[in-house]
Amino acid sequence: MLNKTTGALILVFGISALLFWRHTPYFLAPNDTFFGVYGDGIKNYATVVYHTRFDSTYTLYQGMNYPYGEHVLFADCQPLLANTIKWISTNITDISGYSVAIVNMSMMVSFVLCGLILYLILLRWQVPVWYSVLTALGLTLLAPQQYRVYAHFGLAHAFVIPLLLYLLLRWEEGRRWWFAVMIGLTLAATAQLHFYFFGIGAFFTAFYLLRKPSVSQAVFYGIHYAIMAVLPFAFLQTWLHWANNAPDRPNAPSGFLNYQSYWEGIFLSEHVPWWRWLDKQVVDIRDVGGEAEAYIGVTAGVLFLILLFRWLGAPKRRSFLPYDGHTGMKPAFRAAFVVLLLSFGLPFSLPGLSGLLDWTGPYQQFRGICRFSWAFYFVWGLIAFYTLYRLGAKYKRNAVKALFWAPAFLMLGLDAAYFVTDPTFEPQDDFRLHKAQFESSDHYWFKTIQPRRYQAVLPLPFYHVGSENFQFDYPGDLVRYSLIPGWHYGIPSMGVFLSRTPFSQTLKSIQLGLEPYRRPAIIDDLPNDKPFLVVLDKIIWEKVDTLYRHYLPEMRLLYEDEYNFIMEMQPKSLDRMWQERIRQVNDQYP
């Protein structure tokens, strides 16, 4: 018989070995291999790299949205990670040069922690070690965070929801203040990886504590919830507003119902062959997009449907769960199911009710509401395999038990195997992201100029993605190219690829991407008269030549290769361009 320690070691080795097999290049060269160099991927590396190397405070990220910068929480900086690197680099030894490796390995470690926590929960539910190891291994590899490692690095930390569930179960056992404090600290800390973890955790905890108590118990639960979620929320709001450089962030970002859950994303998956076959041969399955996918697997899905029909067909409503005697299991299922319903955008996704969203205040900020379904994935996955264990354990003969459990684990293993290998993502790279390679190459931009003489990068075409209400798209490789000067030399970008950028700053910045018709307001906010470094992607030169032709007479070419134009422009050119445009219009229409 396996003991608990041996089981934990086997689990750690198993997850680590499979992660190494799946992501070998990232383990062999973690600081030189990138999960993504486009869009969110490069942005989430660049924010950490810039913040750890060049920002002067722990609160403000200044690598984009120049000259305003952004609070680290809204920059996807993973401040829990980035500020730890920054503190160690400032006070002990400089490790900022290993930021990419730390970002990569933190995601890998999170899956190991996820498996261990799931294992501990199953042991507390008195599931045998071998069964707990197999279940935790399969659920970890099938976790929806597996596909977040390619772009949304903060969201890829799979251990967060299992840790919250584990602490709630421990709290349930004795209702001790200590675990309420631990839950509060967990929500406050993991919000520093991504704020969605706080949203998921706060709602899940609220519905977990929702009971039919006496007045005294209601006060008790209320106080404990205040410790678990209200105080962390107050702390986060205080930190945001204490260091806030703009009070007018969008209260109602667009697209709340664009990223809701659908039943297909919970019960089906395009990453496994049997659902692809069903889609092609039997019925046309709706494509819900990657955001809405929180696939629970065949085993958990089939069991859920069986129990649902059992519950609906009962003459008297029995408990949905056949076995719910263990502490915290029933409230955990209830909370996970209610949060799952929220992930469907309910009630606002119902016909005629979308207008009610205007009355929900900060809730509107969670426009990726489908991510709330992750709580159901973990909770139901654990309960499903616990239920199957209890059902199989009733048989006396081991051979019969094995025949009962084997199909469940076989399907879990196949689901997980296909899920983590299809499609295959190859590591991405750009030699410009490696300073030594960049500076020694024939494509070095700064052979004849000093990069530090420029106050900011001006990307053309200008991109601004972040207010969630105004958007100038980010074509081609431009985001990466425009962040390279900041990556190596601390030159911030005037482009914006963030989230919830304040309206006042947005309305000034987007004038850079519009036809000049008046004096750009951003001129008055520039801290100096140093020139701009203009970075253009040659592949989309036609768009620049068409939409940004008014910039061309004001720029001086510094460097050119098959990929880029690197140019220089003086801040006073922004003032001249609108005056010249007015003169042209007056001459054309006297």
Foldseek 3Di string as FASTA:
>chain_A
DDDQVNLLVVLLVVLLVVVCVQPVVCVVCVQFFFLELDFLRVQLLLQLLLLLPPDPDLFFGCQEQPPQTHGCQQSLNLSLLSVVQNCCVVPPNHPSSRSSSSLLVQLSVLLSLQLSLQLVVVVLVVDDSVLSSLLSNLLSLLFLLLVCRNGNSLSNNNNLLSVLLSLVLVCLVPVDLVSLLVLQVSLLNSVSSPVVSLVLSLLLLVLLLDDPDDPVVVVSSVVSSCNNRVVSVVVVVCSCVVPPPFDFFDFAFPQLQLQFADVCQAAHDPLAVVRVCCCPPPHPDDDSDSLRHRYLFDQLNVLLVVLVCVQVPDPDRDDSAPDDPRGSLVSLQRSLVVLSVVSRVPPLPPPPNVVVVVVPTNVSVPSNSSVSNSSVSSSSSSSSSVSQQVVLVVDDDPVSSCVSCVVSSVRSVSSSVSSSPPPRRDIDRDLLLPPVSQVPDPNNQDPPHDLVLAQAEEEPVAFEDASSHDTDDDDDSRVSQRSSCCSPPNHHYSHHSTYRDGPVSVVLSCCSNQQQADQRPCLVVRPDFRKHWYKYFVVVVVVCVPRVVLCVVQWAFRDDDPTITIIIGTSCSSVVSNVVVVVVVVVVPD
